[in-house]
Structure formats: C-alpha cells, structure tokens
Amino acid sequence: MSEHAHVTADQARTALAGADTARRGLAARGRWLAGYFGAFAVGSAVVVALIGLGGDAGTTLAMIGWVVLVSLGVAYASTRPVRLRREGRLHAAGWVSWGVVYGLVLLVGHPRHGAAAYWLPAALLSAVPLAATALLALRWSRR
C-alpha cells in the first residue's frame, strides 16, 4: 500500500490549501516583471522625446540613458528568482511590438525634428506596447 493511502479528507484539503497559498505567493513574487516593463515604458517615452526634441545632444543623452536602463534592467532581471509562465512569449511580444512602434515613430518623425506637436504624442505612443506588456504581466502574476 502507498504511503498516501491513509490521508484523510481534511488532510487532503489542508494540503491543497497549502499548495494554493504557495502558488499565489510565487505568482506575487513574479510581479517584478510588471515593474520591469513599466520602467522601460517610461524610458522609451523619455528616449523618444529626447531624440525628437533635443537635437544631437538629446539623441546622445537618450542613447546613453537607454544603454544604462537596459544594463540595469538585465542585471535586475537576472536576480529575480521567480519567472511567470509563458514569460518568454510575453517578452517577445512586448519587445517586438515596441520595436515596430519605435521604428515607425522615428521614421515618420525624422522630417519633423524639433516639432513638439509630433514628438510628445509620439513619445507616449512608443511607451504603449511596453506599458501594455507591464499590465499583462501584472494580470498574469495575479493568477
């Protein structure tokens, strides 16, 4: 006979409740990903605004800032002990969609260099894919 043959219904319920509590605790520890993508969303908006409105100095500052943000983001992510289910797909979808929007914003905005009426909304638009990914990560971490 198996060692589990003598588990009572109350013991089984307690074990299941403990497993559910552990699952929720791990999911909560996975919320870091929402903050990660949120930081990149803000960073994207700042970078696009600096590129469009700051001239050569703004572009240089934007690229330096982006390299610092990516470096800090990678270092932070590497120390997180919990990964969400399907996190790789979420990363791919978030970064690919951001890359498309970012590229289009820069391409369309190139002739409008310095025009705040274009670059400020464009900066916010560039943040949308990463902000949406942050919200999705937050939602997934609550499951």
Protein backbone atom coordinates (compact mmCIF):
# COMPACT_ATOMS: atom_id res chain seq x y z
CA MET A 1 0.00 0.00 0.00
CA SER A 2 1.13 3.54 -0.77
CA GLU A 3 2.09 5.98 1.98
CA HIS A 4 -0.75 8.23 0.75
CA ALA A 5 -3.44 5.64 1.23
CA HIS A 6 -4.24 6.87 4.73
CA VAL A 7 -4.67 10.58 4.01
CA THR A 8 -7.93 11.87 5.38
CA ALA A 9 -10.18 14.29 3.56
CA ASP A 10 -9.20 17.06 5.99
CA GLN A 11 -5.51 16.38 5.41
CA ALA A 12 -6.06 16.48 1.65
CA ARG A 13 -7.94 19.80 1.91
CA THR A 14 -5.17 21.25 4.08
CA ALA A 15 -2.52 20.10 1.60
CA LEU A 16 -4.44 21.61 -1.32
CA ALA A 17 -4.93 24.88 0.55
CA GLY A 18 -1.20 24.99 1.30
CA ALA A 19 -0.37 24.35 -2.34
CA ASP A 20 -2.72 27.14 -3.44
CA THR A 21 -1.16 29.54 -0.93
CA ALA A 22 2.31 28.66 -2.24
CA ARG A 23 1.15 29.16 -5.84
CA ARG A 24 -0.28 32.60 -5.04
CA GLY A 25 2.89 33.55 -3.18
CA LEU A 26 5.06 32.59 -6.13
CA ALA A 27 2.80 34.47 -8.54
CA ALA A 28 3.04 37.56 -6.34
CA ARG A 29 6.83 37.31 -6.45
CA GLY A 30 6.53 37.32 -10.23
CA ARG A 31 5.10 40.86 -10.20
CA TRP A 32 8.59 42.23 -10.67
CA LEU A 33 8.09 41.82 -14.41
CA ALA A 34 5.34 44.44 -14.44
CA GLY A 35 7.69 46.98 -12.88
CA TYR A 36 10.44 45.98 -15.30
CA PHE A 37 8.28 46.65 -18.35
CA GLY A 38 6.82 49.76 -16.72
CA ALA A 39 10.31 51.21 -16.27
CA PHE A 40 11.10 50.51 -19.90
CA ALA A 41 7.82 52.13 -20.99
CA VAL A 42 8.78 55.34 -19.17
CA GLY A 43 12.31 55.06 -20.53
CA SER A 44 11.01 54.71 -24.07
CA ALA A 45 8.90 57.85 -23.77
CA VAL A 46 11.87 59.83 -22.44
CA VAL A 47 14.20 58.50 -25.13
CA VAL A 48 11.82 59.33 -27.98
CA ALA A 49 11.17 62.81 -26.61
CA LEU A 50 14.91 63.46 -26.28
CA ILE A 51 15.61 62.17 -29.78
CA GLY A 52 12.86 64.27 -31.34
CA LEU A 53 13.25 67.45 -29.36
CA GLY A 54 16.82 67.51 -28.09
CA GLY A 55 18.87 67.69 -31.26
CA ASP A 56 22.22 65.90 -31.40
CA ALA A 57 22.86 66.35 -27.68
CA GLY A 58 19.41 64.97 -26.85
CA THR A 59 19.96 61.95 -29.08
CA THR A 60 23.33 61.27 -27.47
CA LEU A 61 21.86 61.61 -23.99
CA ALA A 62 18.92 59.39 -24.97
CA MET A 63 21.21 56.61 -26.22
CA ILE A 64 23.42 56.78 -23.12
CA GLY A 65 20.32 56.68 -20.92
CA TRP A 66 18.88 53.74 -22.86
CA VAL A 67 22.13 51.75 -22.53
CA VAL A 68 22.14 52.42 -18.78
CA LEU A 69 18.47 51.43 -18.47
CA VAL A 70 18.95 48.21 -20.45
CA SER A 71 22.04 47.33 -18.41
CA LEU A 72 20.21 47.89 -15.13
CA GLY A 73 17.14 46.03 -16.40
CA VAL A 74 19.14 42.98 -17.46
CA ALA A 75 21.05 42.95 -14.17
CA TYR A 76 17.82 43.25 -12.18
CA ALA A 77 16.02 40.57 -14.19
CA SER A 78 18.91 38.16 -13.72
CA THR A 79 18.50 38.34 -9.93
CA ARG A 80 14.76 37.59 -9.89
CA PRO A 81 14.10 34.08 -8.59
CA VAL A 82 10.59 33.74 -9.99
CA ARG A 83 9.56 33.61 -13.63
CA LEU A 84 6.00 33.79 -14.86
CA ARG A 85 4.60 31.04 -17.03
CA ARG A 86 4.97 31.99 -20.70
CA GLU A 87 7.32 34.83 -19.75
CA GLY A 88 9.42 34.26 -22.87
CA ARG A 89 6.42 34.79 -25.12
CA LEU A 90 5.47 37.89 -23.18
CA HIS A 91 8.98 39.30 -23.59
CA ALA A 92 8.99 38.54 -27.31
CA ALA A 93 5.58 40.10 -27.90
CA GLY A 94 6.40 43.18 -25.84
CA TRP A 95 9.79 43.88 -27.39
CA VAL A 96 8.81 43.08 -30.97
CA SER A 97 5.71 45.29 -30.79
CA TRP A 98 7.75 48.05 -29.16
CA GLY A 99 10.42 47.76 -31.86
CA VAL A 100 7.83 48.16 -34.61
CA VAL A 101 6.21 51.20 -32.97
CA TYR A 102 9.57 52.76 -32.06
CA GLY A 103 10.88 52.31 -35.60
CA LEU A 104 7.76 53.79 -37.15
CA VAL A 105 7.76 56.74 -34.75
CA LEU A 106 11.36 57.56 -35.64
CA LEU A 107 10.85 57.01 -39.36
CA VAL A 108 7.73 59.17 -39.58
CA GLY A 109 9.15 61.79 -37.24
CA HIS A 110 12.51 62.23 -38.92
CA PRO A 111 11.38 65.16 -41.11
CA ARG A 112 9.61 66.73 -38.11
CA HIS A 113 12.70 67.08 -35.93
CA GLY A 114 12.01 69.55 -33.12
CA ALA A 115 8.22 69.65 -33.56
CA ALA A 116 6.75 69.12 -30.10
CA ALA A 117 3.26 68.61 -31.58
CA TYR A 118 4.57 65.38 -33.13
CA TRP A 119 7.25 64.19 -30.70
CA LEU A 120 5.39 64.42 -27.41
CA PRO A 121 2.45 62.24 -28.56
CA ALA A 122 4.94 60.01 -30.40
CA ALA A 123 6.90 59.56 -27.16
CA LEU A 124 3.75 58.45 -25.38
CA LEU A 125 2.82 56.17 -28.27
CA SER A 126 6.23 54.49 -28.10
CA ALA A 127 5.52 53.57 -24.47
CA VAL A 128 2.19 51.86 -25.21
CA PRO A 129 3.49 48.37 -26.16
CA LEU A 130 5.70 48.16 -23.07
CA ALA A 131 3.02 49.59 -20.78
CA ALA A 132 0.53 47.07 -22.15
CA THR A 133 3.07 44.31 -21.54
CA ALA A 134 3.51 45.56 -17.96
CA LEU A 135 -0.24 45.42 -17.40
CA LEU A 136 -0.42 41.93 -18.87
CA ALA A 137 2.45 40.78 -16.65
CA LEU A 138 0.66 42.22 -13.63
CA ARG A 139 -2.52 40.41 -14.60
CA TRP A 140 -0.67 37.12 -15.09
CA SER A 141 1.05 37.50 -11.72
CA ARG A 142 -2.35 37.61 -10.01
CA ARG A 143 -3.45 34.22 -11.31
